[in-house]
Amino acid sequence: MGINNISSARLTIVALVFLLFALGSFVCLQAAAQTATKVDLLRVSHQPVYEGFLTWQAIQEGLDKKAGLELKMVYFDSGMPQVEALTAKQWDIGSIGTVPMLLAALRLDALMVATSYDDSFNHFVLVRPDSPILKTKGANPKYPEVYGKAEDIKGKTILVTTVSAGHYVVSSWLKVFGLKDSDVKIQNMEAGQVLAAFESGKGDICELWSPFAPLAVLKKGWKKVCIGNDVGARMFMPVILDKDVAEKRPDAVMKFLRLWFQQIDRQKKEGLTSATLALYQKYMKDWAGMSLTEEMARWDNELEPLWDLKQQLELFDSSKGPCQIEKWFAGVADFFADNGRIKPEERDQAMKKKFVTDKFLKLLAKGQ
């Protein structure tokens, strides 16, 4: 082989080495770029209530994409259908009522990783304006704001959503007068069906939450007998997390919770402006199929005081024993057991599961 040919071969080899190095560098840079811009898909479960607005607004404004997320909202009328869908892995994270949260923790090892607001002011036991129940207020002096007395309540038909926070409020109201579910006739149906059935004349008493409650009170003129807070039924809207997602996709969970608390801080800072209320009305119309007046939208929002990260860290703090959230859950567990939904030993098992975790909240507080 001539000198020129040898030199040419060497140059070719060198060129190939540089080409391979360049290609390798390009592939590495591409992989790094893909990692940096990774978008996590999360299916977020919501009912047509206020906290769903936090997720909906974030999606509408593209805030999920900026956070490295692609959020897909999954609609449910109430908590038990959510629990059933979680069994089939149809969603990843979401918000749910207190009562179905406990059942999801017991049956599916689901976790409560955050919350949104105090739900105790959002659940209403209602009657028609001519109900004899309204004639008596404060029959039990321990509950001065509560209407009714035992003899006016016994045997009455109550429309309420099964295994819900609303049912918990109804049972707590009955306890005020020494009554149980067996002393009345409980008819279970979804909240929208409760609204329609009660309007058509069915039932004597009903239980509703927002956005159905403001519609019932402001538009239909039904009267409040009590709210959850009046009868000691403390509730909240848990952020519920599938156990497999918690274990396998913690980074995606953290992205969502950062965005969640950013939305909470934003709502607390901006307040109920006309623009916010108009957007909330659009959310209810477009996603939930419900038309609310501005007055209803304002009433709906004011019933649900949001808890920021600092407040939630306090509610989840178990450094000195069971945290406040766990103490409230104990009342829910007693409700389940009293109504035969779970056995007493299952109630005890549920409370030992430690499904309420501040792990992610603490990471957020550290800026991780």
Protein backbone atom coordinates (compact mmCIF):
# COMPACT_ATOMS: atom_id res chain seq x y z
CA MET A 1 0.00 0.00 0.00
CA GLY A 2 1.34 3.43 -0.93
CA ILE A 3 2.04 6.22 1.54
CA ASN A 4 -0.84 8.27 0.16
CA ASN A 5 -3.23 5.36 0.55
CA ILE A 6 -2.08 4.76 4.16
CA SER A 7 -2.58 8.40 5.01
CA SER A 8 -5.99 8.39 3.38
CA ALA A 9 -7.01 5.30 5.39
CA ARG A 10 -5.82 6.89 8.61
CA LEU A 11 -7.78 10.04 7.85
CA THR A 12 -10.86 7.95 7.16
CA ILE A 13 -10.51 6.14 10.49
CA VAL A 14 -10.02 9.43 12.33
CA ALA A 15 -13.06 10.87 10.59
CA LEU A 16 -15.13 7.85 11.56
CA VAL A 17 -13.99 8.12 15.18
CA PHE A 18 -14.97 11.78 15.29
CA LEU A 19 -18.27 10.98 13.60
CA LEU A 20 -19.05 8.25 16.13
CA PHE A 21 -18.07 10.56 18.98
CA ALA A 22 -20.30 13.30 17.60
CA LEU A 23 -23.19 10.89 17.17
CA GLY A 24 -22.71 9.60 20.71
CA SER A 25 -22.65 13.11 22.07
CA PHE A 26 -25.77 13.98 20.09
CA VAL A 27 -27.61 10.93 21.44
CA CYS A 28 -26.57 11.79 25.00
CA LEU A 29 -27.67 15.38 24.57
CA GLN A 30 -30.98 14.24 23.12
CA ALA A 31 -31.52 11.86 26.03
CA ALA A 32 -30.66 14.60 28.50
CA ALA A 33 -33.03 17.00 26.76
CA GLN A 34 -35.81 14.43 26.80
CA THR A 35 -35.21 13.82 30.49
CA ALA A 36 -35.26 17.54 31.20
CA THR A 37 -38.51 18.01 29.30
CA LYS A 38 -40.18 14.80 30.43
CA VAL A 39 -43.95 15.20 30.73
CA ASP A 40 -45.74 12.96 33.21
CA LEU A 41 -49.31 11.95 32.42
CA LEU A 42 -51.58 11.87 35.46
CA ARG A 43 -55.27 11.03 35.39
CA VAL A 44 -56.88 13.22 38.03
CA SER A 45 -60.15 12.12 39.59
CA HIS A 46 -62.65 14.83 40.56
CA GLN A 47 -66.27 15.38 41.44
CA PRO A 48 -68.08 18.56 40.26
CA VAL A 49 -66.98 20.55 43.31
CA TYR A 50 -64.64 23.42 44.09
CA GLU A 51 -61.27 21.66 44.25
CA GLY A 52 -61.82 20.33 40.74
CA PHE A 53 -61.63 23.96 39.63
CA LEU A 54 -57.99 24.10 40.79
CA THR A 55 -57.05 21.34 38.35
CA TRP A 56 -59.33 22.56 35.56
CA GLN A 57 -57.92 26.09 35.69
CA ALA A 58 -54.35 24.77 35.63
CA ILE A 59 -55.12 22.73 32.51
CA GLN A 60 -56.92 25.62 30.78
CA GLU A 61 -53.95 27.92 31.30
CA GLY A 62 -51.32 25.33 30.42
CA LEU A 63 -49.84 25.42 33.90
CA ASP A 64 -49.67 21.63 33.97
CA LYS A 65 -47.42 21.60 30.91
CA LYS A 66 -45.12 24.19 32.50
CA ALA A 67 -44.92 21.92 35.54
CA GLY A 68 -43.92 18.94 33.38
CA LEU A 69 -47.34 17.34 33.57
CA GLU A 70 -50.17 16.35 31.30
CA LEU A 71 -53.28 16.28 33.46
CA LYS A 72 -56.43 14.49 32.35
CA MET A 73 -59.52 15.04 34.50
CA VAL A 74 -61.79 12.06 35.15
CA TYR A 75 -65.38 12.90 36.17
CA PHE A 76 -67.35 11.21 38.96
CA ASP A 77 -70.66 12.11 40.58
CA SER A 78 -69.65 10.93 44.06
CA GLY A 79 -67.02 9.07 46.05
CA MET A 80 -68.03 5.43 45.83
CA PRO A 81 -67.86 5.31 42.00
CA GLN A 82 -64.37 6.81 42.38
CA VAL A 83 -63.34 4.01 44.73
CA GLU A 84 -64.70 1.39 42.35
CA ALA A 85 -62.81 2.97 39.45
CA LEU A 86 -59.60 3.05 41.48
CA THR A 87 -59.93 -0.70 41.90
CA ALA A 88 -59.68 -0.94 38.12
CA LYS A 89 -56.77 1.57 38.01
CA GLN A 90 -58.77 4.06 35.97
CA TRP A 91 -57.15 7.09 37.60
CA ASP A 92 -53.96 7.96 39.48
CA ILE A 93 -54.56 10.82 41.89
CA GLY A 94 -57.52 13.00 42.77
CA SER A 95 -59.79 14.46 45.41
CA ILE A 96 -62.49 12.53 47.21
CA GLY A 97 -64.83 12.75 50.18
CA THR A 98 -63.77 11.80 53.70
CA VAL A 99 -65.99 8.74 53.97
CA PRO A 100 -65.02 7.05 50.67
CA MET A 101 -61.37 7.91 51.41
CA LEU A 102 -61.51 5.71 54.49
CA LEU A 103 -63.01 2.87 52.51
CA ALA A 104 -60.37 3.23 49.77
CA ALA A 105 -57.66 3.11 52.42
CA LEU A 106 -59.16 0.00 54.01
CA ARG A 107 -59.85 -1.92 50.81
CA LEU A 108 -57.19 -0.64 48.40
CA ASP A 109 -54.38 0.72 50.58
CA ALA A 110 -54.91 4.16 49.03
CA LEU A 111 -53.08 7.07 50.64
CA MET A 112 -54.17 10.52 51.73
CA VAL A 113 -51.26 12.83 50.86
CA ALA A 114 -52.86 16.28 51.14
CA THR A 115 -56.24 17.99 51.23
CA SER A 116 -57.78 21.20 49.98
CA TYR A 117 -60.32 22.71 52.37
CA ASP A 118 -62.55 22.29 55.40
CA ASP A 119 -65.59 20.47 54.03
CA SER A 120 -67.61 20.69 57.26
CA PHE A 121 -69.41 23.85 56.11
CA ASN A 122 -70.31 22.44 52.73
CA HIS A 123 -72.75 19.63 53.67
CA PHE A 124 -76.37 20.58 54.31
CA VAL A 125 -79.29 18.67 55.77
CA LEU A 126 -82.30 20.34 54.14
CA VAL A 127 -86.10 20.35 54.39
CA ARG A 128 -88.92 22.12 52.62
CA PRO A 129 -90.10 25.44 54.13
CA ASP A 130 -93.27 23.88 55.58
CA SER A 131 -91.48 21.04 57.40
CA PRO A 132 -92.42 20.61 61.10
CA ILE A 133 -88.74 19.98 61.78
CA LEU A 134 -88.12 23.73 61.47
CA LYS A 135 -90.39 24.49 64.42
CA THR A 136 -87.78 23.39 66.95
CA LYS A 137 -84.23 24.72 67.26
CA GLY A 138 -81.68 23.76 69.91
CA ALA A 139 -83.69 20.88 71.39
CA ASN A 140 -80.31 19.47 72.41
CA PRO A 141 -78.57 22.38 74.16
CA LYS A 142 -75.17 21.02 73.13
CA TYR A 143 -76.12 21.77 69.52
CA PRO A 144 -77.87 25.18 69.62
CA GLU A 145 -77.88 25.77 65.84
CA VAL A 146 -79.53 22.46 64.95
CA TYR A 147 -83.21 22.17 64.04
CA GLY A 148 -85.51 19.27 64.87
CA LYS A 149 -86.60 16.95 67.65
CA ALA A 150 -86.84 13.17 67.80
CA GLU A 151 -90.62 12.87 67.45
CA ASP A 152 -90.63 15.03 64.31
CA ILE A 153 -87.82 13.04 62.70
CA LYS A 154 -88.67 9.39 63.44
CA GLY A 155 -90.03 7.48 60.46
CA LYS A 156 -89.18 10.24 57.97
CA THR A 157 -87.62 9.47 54.58
CA ILE A 158 -84.16 10.95 53.98
CA LEU A 159 -82.61 11.18 50.51
CA VAL A 160 -78.82 10.94 50.63
CA THR A 161 -75.88 9.59 48.64
CA THR A 162 -74.69 6.23 49.92
CA VAL A 163 -71.37 5.89 51.75
CA SER A 164 -70.70 9.61 51.49
CA ALA A 165 -69.72 12.50 53.72
CA GLY A 166 -73.34 13.57 53.37
CA HIS A 167 -74.51 10.30 54.91
CA TYR A 168 -72.05 10.89 57.75
CA VAL A 169 -73.64 14.30 58.39
CA VAL A 170 -77.15 12.80 58.38
CA SER A 171 -76.15 10.12 60.89
CA SER A 172 -74.43 12.71 63.08
CA TRP A 173 -77.59 14.85 62.99
CA LEU A 174 -79.72 11.88 64.05
CA LYS A 175 -77.35 11.19 66.95
CA VAL A 176 -78.03 14.68 68.30
CA PHE A 177 -81.56 13.44 69.13
CA GLY A 178 -80.56 9.93 70.19
CA LEU A 179 -81.64 8.43 66.86
CA LYS A 180 -80.03 5.99 64.43
CA ASP A 181 -80.36 5.33 60.72
CA SER A 182 -82.77 2.51 61.59
CA ASP A 183 -85.17 5.09 63.08
CA VAL A 184 -85.69 6.69 59.66
CA LYS A 185 -85.96 5.53 56.04
CA ILE A 186 -82.71 6.12 54.15
CA GLN A 187 -82.99 6.25 50.36
CA ASN A 188 -79.64 6.27 48.56
CA MET A 189 -79.09 8.12 45.30
CA GLU A 190 -76.57 10.42 43.63
CA ALA A 191 -76.65 14.10 44.58
CA GLY A 192 -78.17 15.21 41.27
CA GLN A 193 -80.90 12.60 41.67
CA VAL A 194 -81.51 13.77 45.25
CA LEU A 195 -82.07 17.30 43.96
CA ALA A 196 -84.55 16.17 41.30
CA ALA A 197 -86.37 13.68 43.53
CA PHE A 198 -86.80 16.11 46.43
CA GLU A 199 -88.06 18.80 44.06
CA SER A 200 -90.67 16.36 42.72
CA GLY A 201 -92.00 15.81 46.24
CA LYS A 202 -90.21 12.62 47.23
CA GLY A 203 -88.76 12.29 50.71
CA ASP A 204 -89.08 14.50 53.79
CA ILE A 205 -85.43 15.42 54.29
CA CYS A 206 -82.41 15.49 52.00
CA GLU A 207 -78.67 16.04 52.21
CA LEU A 208 -76.70 17.95 49.59
CA TRP A 209 -73.29 19.52 49.12
CA SER A 210 -71.97 22.16 46.74
CA PRO A 211 -72.77 22.98 44.03
CA PHE A 212 -76.16 21.36 44.62
CA ALA A 213 -76.67 22.93 48.07
CA PRO A 214 -76.52 26.58 46.94
CA LEU A 215 -78.88 25.71 44.09
CA ALA A 216 -81.31 24.13 46.57
CA VAL A 217 -81.17 27.01 49.07
CA LEU A 218 -80.85 30.06 46.82
CA LYS A 219 -83.04 28.99 43.92
CA LYS A 220 -85.49 26.44 45.35
CA GLY A 221 -85.87 27.93 48.81
CA TRP A 222 -85.21 24.79 50.83
CA LYS A 223 -84.23 25.39 54.44
CA LYS A 224 -81.10 24.38 56.33
CA VAL A 225 -81.56 22.05 59.29
CA CYS A 226 -77.84 21.85 59.97
CA ILE A 227 -74.42 21.65 58.35
CA GLY A 228 -71.68 19.19 59.19
CA ASN A 229 -69.89 21.61 61.49
CA ASP A 230 -73.07 22.11 63.55
CA VAL A 231 -73.21 18.43 64.53
CA GLY A 232 -69.52 17.70 64.97
CA ALA A 233 -69.08 15.97 61.62
CA ARG A 234 -65.65 17.34 60.73
CA MET A 235 -64.74 16.65 57.15
CA PHE A 236 -62.27 17.66 54.47
CA MET A 237 -61.51 16.75 50.87
CA PRO A 238 -58.55 14.34 50.83
CA VAL A 239 -56.10 14.29 47.97
CA ILE A 240 -56.10 10.55 47.39
CA LEU A 241 -53.22 8.69 45.77
CA ASP A 242 -53.07 5.21 44.30
CA LYS A 243 -50.48 3.18 46.23
CA ASP A 244 -48.70 1.98 43.07
CA VAL A 245 -48.37 5.53 41.77
CA ALA A 246 -46.93 6.59 45.14
CA GLU A 247 -44.29 3.86 44.95
CA LYS A 248 -43.42 3.95 41.25
CA ARG A 249 -43.97 7.61 40.25
CA PRO A 250 -43.09 9.84 43.22
CA ASP A 251 -41.62 12.54 40.95
CA ALA A 252 -44.93 12.90 39.10
CA VAL A 253 -46.76 13.10 42.43
CA MET A 254 -44.44 15.87 43.59
CA LYS A 255 -45.01 17.82 40.38
CA PHE A 256 -48.76 17.60 40.89
CA LEU A 257 -48.66 18.64 44.54
CA ARG A 258 -46.41 21.63 43.80
CA LEU A 259 -48.96 22.76 41.24
CA TRP A 260 -51.82 22.00 43.65
CA PHE A 261 -50.45 24.26 46.35
CA GLN A 262 -49.57 26.96 43.84
CA GLN A 263 -53.24 26.94 42.83
CA ILE A 264 -54.37 27.06 46.46
CA ASP A 265 -52.06 30.01 47.19
CA ARG A 266 -53.30 31.74 44.07
CA GLN A 267 -56.96 31.40 45.01
CA LYS A 268 -56.32 32.63 48.56
CA LYS A 269 -54.37 35.62 47.23
CA GLU A 270 -56.68 36.65 44.39
CA GLY A 271 -59.94 36.11 46.26
CA LEU A 272 -63.38 35.97 44.68
CA THR A 273 -63.04 38.53 41.92
CA SER A 274 -65.68 38.83 39.22
CA ALA A 275 -63.23 37.30 36.75
CA THR A 276 -62.60 34.31 39.03
CA LEU A 277 -66.31 33.76 39.59
CA ALA A 278 -66.97 33.96 35.84
CA LEU A 279 -64.26 31.38 35.24
CA TYR A 280 -65.70 29.18 37.98
CA GLN A 281 -69.12 29.38 36.30
CA LYS A 282 -67.49 28.34 33.03
CA TYR A 283 -65.81 25.38 34.76
CA MET A 284 -69.11 24.22 36.21
CA LYS A 285 -70.88 24.65 32.88
CA ASP A 286 -68.23 23.15 30.58
CA TRP A 287 -66.94 20.31 32.77
CA ALA A 288 -69.82 19.55 35.13
CA GLY A 289 -72.77 20.56 32.95
CA MET A 290 -74.27 22.84 35.64
CA SER A 291 -75.36 26.45 35.24
CA LEU A 292 -74.69 28.59 38.31
CA THR A 293 -75.56 32.23 38.83
CA GLU A 294 -72.80 34.48 40.14
CA GLU A 295 -74.50 34.42 43.56
CA MET A 296 -74.46 30.61 43.60
CA ALA A 297 -70.84 30.53 42.48
CA ARG A 298 -69.83 32.97 45.22
CA TRP A 299 -71.79 31.04 47.85
CA ASP A 300 -70.19 27.82 46.66
CA ASN A 301 -66.66 29.21 46.91
CA GLU A 302 -67.17 30.88 50.30
CA LEU A 303 -68.30 27.59 51.86
CA GLU A 304 -64.90 26.01 51.30
CA PRO A 305 -62.00 27.76 53.06
CA LEU A 306 -58.74 26.54 51.55
CA TRP A 307 -55.82 25.23 53.62
CA ASP A 308 -52.32 26.21 52.45
CA LEU A 309 -49.18 24.11 52.89
CA LYS A 310 -48.35 25.50 56.33
CA GLN A 311 -51.86 24.77 57.62
CA GLN A 312 -51.81 21.28 56.18
CA LEU A 313 -48.45 20.47 57.73
CA GLU A 314 -50.04 21.27 61.09
CA LEU A 315 -53.10 19.12 60.35
CA PHE A 316 -50.90 16.19 59.28
CA ASP A 317 -48.39 16.52 62.13
CA SER A 318 -48.21 13.23 64.06
CA SER A 319 -45.05 13.98 66.05
CA LYS A 320 -47.03 13.97 69.31
CA GLY A 321 -49.49 11.19 68.54
CA PRO A 322 -52.35 10.85 66.02
CA CYS A 323 -52.59 13.95 63.85
CA GLN A 324 -55.73 16.06 63.63
CA ILE A 325 -56.71 14.46 60.32
CA GLU A 326 -56.49 11.00 61.90
CA LYS A 327 -58.62 12.11 64.84
CA TRP A 328 -61.31 13.32 62.46
CA PHE A 329 -61.09 10.05 60.57
CA ALA A 330 -61.78 8.19 63.81
CA GLY A 331 -65.28 9.70 63.82
CA VAL A 332 -65.80 8.57 60.24
CA ALA A 333 -64.65 5.04 61.14
CA ASP A 334 -67.17 4.93 63.98
CA PHE A 335 -69.88 5.97 61.50
CA PHE A 336 -68.97 3.05 59.24
CA ALA A 337 -69.02 0.58 62.11
CA ASP A 338 -72.26 1.94 63.62
CA ASN A 339 -74.03 1.50 60.28
CA GLY A 340 -72.71 -1.99 59.64
CA ARG A 341 -70.63 -0.96 56.63
CA ILE A 342 -67.56 -2.41 58.27
CA LYS A 343 -67.00 -4.64 61.29
CA PRO A 344 -65.56 -3.16 64.50
CA GLU A 345 -62.32 -5.06 63.88
CA GLU A 346 -62.13 -3.58 60.38
CA ARG A 347 -62.58 -0.12 61.87
CA ASP A 348 -59.62 -0.74 64.13
CA GLN A 349 -57.64 -2.15 61.21
CA ALA A 350 -58.37 0.92 59.12
CA MET A 351 -57.12 3.29 61.80
CA LYS A 352 -53.92 1.26 62.19
CA LYS A 353 -53.07 1.45 58.49
CA LYS A 354 -51.42 4.89 58.73
CA PHE A 355 -52.82 5.84 55.35
CA VAL A 356 -52.58 9.53 56.23
CA THR A 357 -49.03 10.52 55.30
CA ASP A 358 -47.19 13.84 55.41
CA LYS A 359 -44.24 12.44 53.43
CA PHE A 360 -44.90 14.50 50.33
CA LEU A 361 -45.90 17.62 52.27
CA LYS A 362 -42.58 17.58 54.13
CA LEU A 363 -40.69 17.24 50.87
CA LEU A 364 -42.56 20.22 49.48
CA ALA A 365 -41.78 22.24 52.59
CA LYS A 366 -38.07 21.49 52.06
CA GLY A 367 -38.32 22.72 48.50
CA GLN A 368 -37.69 19.31 46.97
